[in-house]
């Protein structure tokens, strides 16, 4: 009888790989993480710093941000993304959540996540997503290498008060 997969695939570690849609090869994905962000209140039309995700210099892994979702409860908000901002104060630390339920307590994220940091320079502009009362999603892959940081900000386009919501998902490989 012929084995449907080469022996090397049968020996891969299941926690680090999945079968592709054809079932012919496995792809290393590691663990998937999400930044728990319950929203940030915006009460002016200034660009407000929401948070940062940092990949520590010695991590030896890349953060592959594959999904960014943005939304708001009543006004349009522009959510901007910048690479390698100058951080004065990191802000409130928050822990990334492992979306692999069987490994959530075993494999912590290498990423360091902070909400409401103090930034003295935004860094290199990468993208902007318009957040409305409907969720807007971007699947553009952004890779955060060791020693790099991504900043996200929110800015209302109308007066009033609203909440901005940002949802990040990433692999660590």
Protein backbone atom coordinates (compact mmCIF):
# COMPACT_ATOMS: atom_id res chain seq x y z
CA UNK A 1 0.00 0.00 0.00
CA UNK A 2 1.26 3.48 -0.87
CA UNK A 3 1.52 6.09 1.86
CA UNK A 4 -0.41 9.21 0.76
CA UNK A 5 2.14 11.60 2.31
CA UNK A 6 5.91 11.42 2.41
CA UNK A 7 7.26 10.19 5.73
CA UNK A 8 8.64 13.63 6.59
CA UNK A 9 5.10 15.03 6.84
CA UNK A 10 4.03 12.33 9.25
CA UNK A 11 6.88 13.31 11.55
CA UNK A 12 6.10 17.02 11.76
CA UNK A 13 4.93 18.40 15.05
CA UNK A 14 1.15 18.83 14.84
CA UNK A 15 1.09 21.87 17.12
CA UNK A 16 3.18 23.78 14.59
CA UNK A 17 1.61 22.77 11.29
CA UNK A 18 -1.65 22.29 9.40
CA UNK A 19 -2.62 20.60 6.14
CA UNK A 20 -3.30 22.91 3.23
CA UNK A 21 -6.63 22.70 1.39
CA UNK A 22 -5.37 19.96 -0.92
CA UNK A 23 -4.13 17.84 2.00
CA UNK A 24 -0.79 17.35 0.25
CA UNK A 25 1.56 19.40 2.34
CA UNK A 26 1.76 20.90 5.77
CA UNK A 27 2.59 24.49 6.48
CA UNK A 28 4.22 25.69 9.66
CA UNK A 29 2.01 28.31 11.27
CA UNK A 30 3.03 28.25 14.91
CA UNK A 31 0.50 29.74 17.25
CA UNK A 32 -2.00 32.47 16.41
CA UNK A 33 -2.46 35.45 18.71
CA UNK A 34 -4.83 38.36 19.02
CA UNK A 35 -4.50 41.69 20.81
CA UNK A 36 -7.43 42.11 23.21
CA UNK A 37 -8.58 45.68 22.57
CA UNK A 38 -12.02 46.59 23.90
CA UNK A 39 -12.06 50.05 22.37
CA UNK A 40 -10.73 53.51 23.00
CA UNK A 41 -12.91 56.58 23.50
CA UNK A 42 -12.18 59.47 21.14
CA UNK A 43 -13.64 62.87 21.98
CA UNK A 44 -11.79 65.18 19.59
CA UNK A 45 -10.61 65.27 15.98
CA UNK A 46 -6.91 64.87 16.83
CA UNK A 47 -4.88 61.78 15.96
CA UNK A 48 -4.86 59.73 19.18
CA UNK A 49 -2.34 57.01 19.96
CA UNK A 50 -4.18 53.75 20.63
CA UNK A 51 -1.44 51.15 21.10
CA UNK A 52 1.73 49.41 19.99
CA UNK A 53 2.84 45.84 19.39
CA UNK A 54 6.58 45.22 19.74
CA UNK A 55 8.64 42.23 18.67
CA UNK A 56 11.59 42.09 21.12
CA UNK A 57 15.08 42.21 19.58
CA UNK A 58 16.17 38.75 20.72
CA UNK A 59 12.93 36.91 19.90
CA UNK A 60 14.27 35.10 16.84
CA UNK A 61 10.76 35.12 15.32
CA UNK A 62 8.73 37.32 13.04
CA UNK A 63 5.22 38.54 13.82
CA UNK A 64 3.09 37.99 10.72
CA UNK A 65 0.08 40.33 11.14
CA UNK A 66 -2.40 38.85 8.71
CA UNK A 67 -5.68 40.50 9.73
CA UNK A 68 -6.54 43.98 10.92
CA UNK A 69 -10.16 44.89 11.58
CA UNK A 70 -11.36 48.33 12.55
CA UNK A 71 -14.79 49.65 13.52
CA UNK A 72 -16.45 52.38 15.56
CA UNK A 73 -19.77 52.79 17.30
CA UNK A 74 -21.08 55.96 15.63
CA UNK A 75 -18.58 58.22 13.81
CA UNK A 76 -16.06 57.58 11.09
CA UNK A 77 -12.54 57.12 12.47
CA UNK A 78 -9.32 56.84 10.48
CA UNK A 79 -7.06 54.17 11.96
CA UNK A 80 -3.45 54.65 10.90
CA UNK A 81 -0.57 52.19 11.18
CA UNK A 82 3.10 53.14 11.52
CA UNK A 83 6.29 51.08 11.76
CA UNK A 84 9.00 51.76 14.33
CA UNK A 85 7.66 54.77 16.22
CA UNK A 86 9.79 56.51 18.83
CA UNK A 87 8.27 55.42 22.13
CA UNK A 88 8.74 57.65 25.18
CA UNK A 89 6.56 55.66 27.60
CA UNK A 90 5.24 52.20 26.73
CA UNK A 91 1.81 52.64 28.37
CA UNK A 92 -0.40 49.95 29.90
CA UNK A 93 0.86 46.44 29.22
CA UNK A 94 -1.68 43.96 27.92
CA UNK A 95 -1.19 40.28 27.16
CA UNK A 96 -1.80 38.83 23.72
CA UNK A 97 -4.20 35.87 23.73
CA UNK A 98 -3.25 32.57 22.08
CA UNK A 99 -6.12 31.48 19.81
CA UNK A 100 -5.01 27.83 19.89
CA UNK A 101 -7.20 26.70 22.74
CA UNK A 102 -5.13 23.62 23.51
CA UNK A 103 -1.94 25.63 23.89
CA UNK A 104 -3.20 28.92 25.32
CA UNK A 105 -1.48 28.48 28.68
CA UNK A 106 1.63 26.76 27.32
CA UNK A 107 2.72 29.11 24.57
CA UNK A 108 2.78 32.78 25.46
CA UNK A 109 3.24 35.35 22.75
CA UNK A 110 6.69 36.82 22.29
CA UNK A 111 5.02 40.13 21.36
CA UNK A 112 4.88 42.93 23.89
CA UNK A 113 1.59 44.84 23.63
CA UNK A 114 0.84 48.22 25.18
CA UNK A 115 -2.23 50.45 25.14
CA UNK A 116 -2.10 54.27 25.26
CA UNK A 117 1.70 54.65 25.01
CA UNK A 118 3.38 58.04 24.75
CA UNK A 119 4.96 58.49 21.31
CA UNK A 120 7.39 61.28 20.35
CA UNK A 121 7.51 60.33 16.63
CA UNK A 122 5.03 58.12 14.76
CA UNK A 123 7.60 56.35 12.57
CA UNK A 124 7.04 55.20 8.99
CA UNK A 125 3.44 55.42 7.79
CA UNK A 126 2.19 52.04 6.49
CA UNK A 127 -1.57 52.17 6.00
CA UNK A 128 -4.86 53.79 6.94
CA UNK A 129 -8.23 52.06 7.34
CA UNK A 130 -11.49 54.01 7.62
CA UNK A 131 -13.45 52.66 10.58
CA UNK A 132 -17.23 52.99 10.44
CA UNK A 133 -20.06 51.36 12.35
CA UNK A 134 -19.38 48.37 10.12
CA UNK A 135 -16.18 46.40 10.46
CA UNK A 136 -13.52 47.08 7.80
CA UNK A 137 -10.91 44.34 7.33
CA UNK A 138 -7.48 44.39 5.74
CA UNK A 139 -5.69 41.15 4.96
CA UNK A 140 -2.47 42.81 3.81
CA UNK A 141 0.35 40.90 5.49
CA UNK A 142 2.63 43.06 7.62
CA UNK A 143 5.75 41.40 9.06
CA UNK A 144 7.18 42.78 12.28
CA UNK A 145 10.78 41.58 12.52
CA UNK A 146 12.71 41.23 15.79
CA UNK A 147 13.36 44.68 17.25
CA UNK A 148 10.48 46.31 15.34
CA UNK A 149 7.23 47.89 16.54
CA UNK A 150 3.89 48.72 14.95
CA UNK A 151 1.85 51.69 16.19
CA UNK A 152 -1.86 52.21 15.61
CA UNK A 153 -3.68 55.52 16.05
CA UNK A 154 -7.27 56.72 15.70
CA UNK A 155 -8.67 60.03 14.48
CA UNK A 156 -12.33 61.05 14.24
CA UNK A 157 -13.46 62.77 11.07
CA UNK A 158 -16.44 64.47 12.78
CA UNK A 159 -17.03 66.13 16.14
CA UNK A 160 -18.54 64.21 19.02
CA UNK A 161 -17.49 61.18 20.99
CA UNK A 162 -17.02 57.67 19.67
CA UNK A 163 -15.18 54.46 20.47
CA UNK A 164 -12.55 53.07 18.10
CA UNK A 165 -12.02 49.31 17.92
CA UNK A 166 -9.00 47.58 16.39
CA UNK A 167 -8.53 43.83 16.04
CA UNK A 168 -5.07 42.36 15.23
CA UNK A 169 -4.33 38.71 14.51
CA UNK A 170 -0.83 37.34 13.94
CA UNK A 171 1.32 34.24 13.67
CA UNK A 172 4.74 33.98 15.28
CA UNK A 173 7.18 32.10 13.09
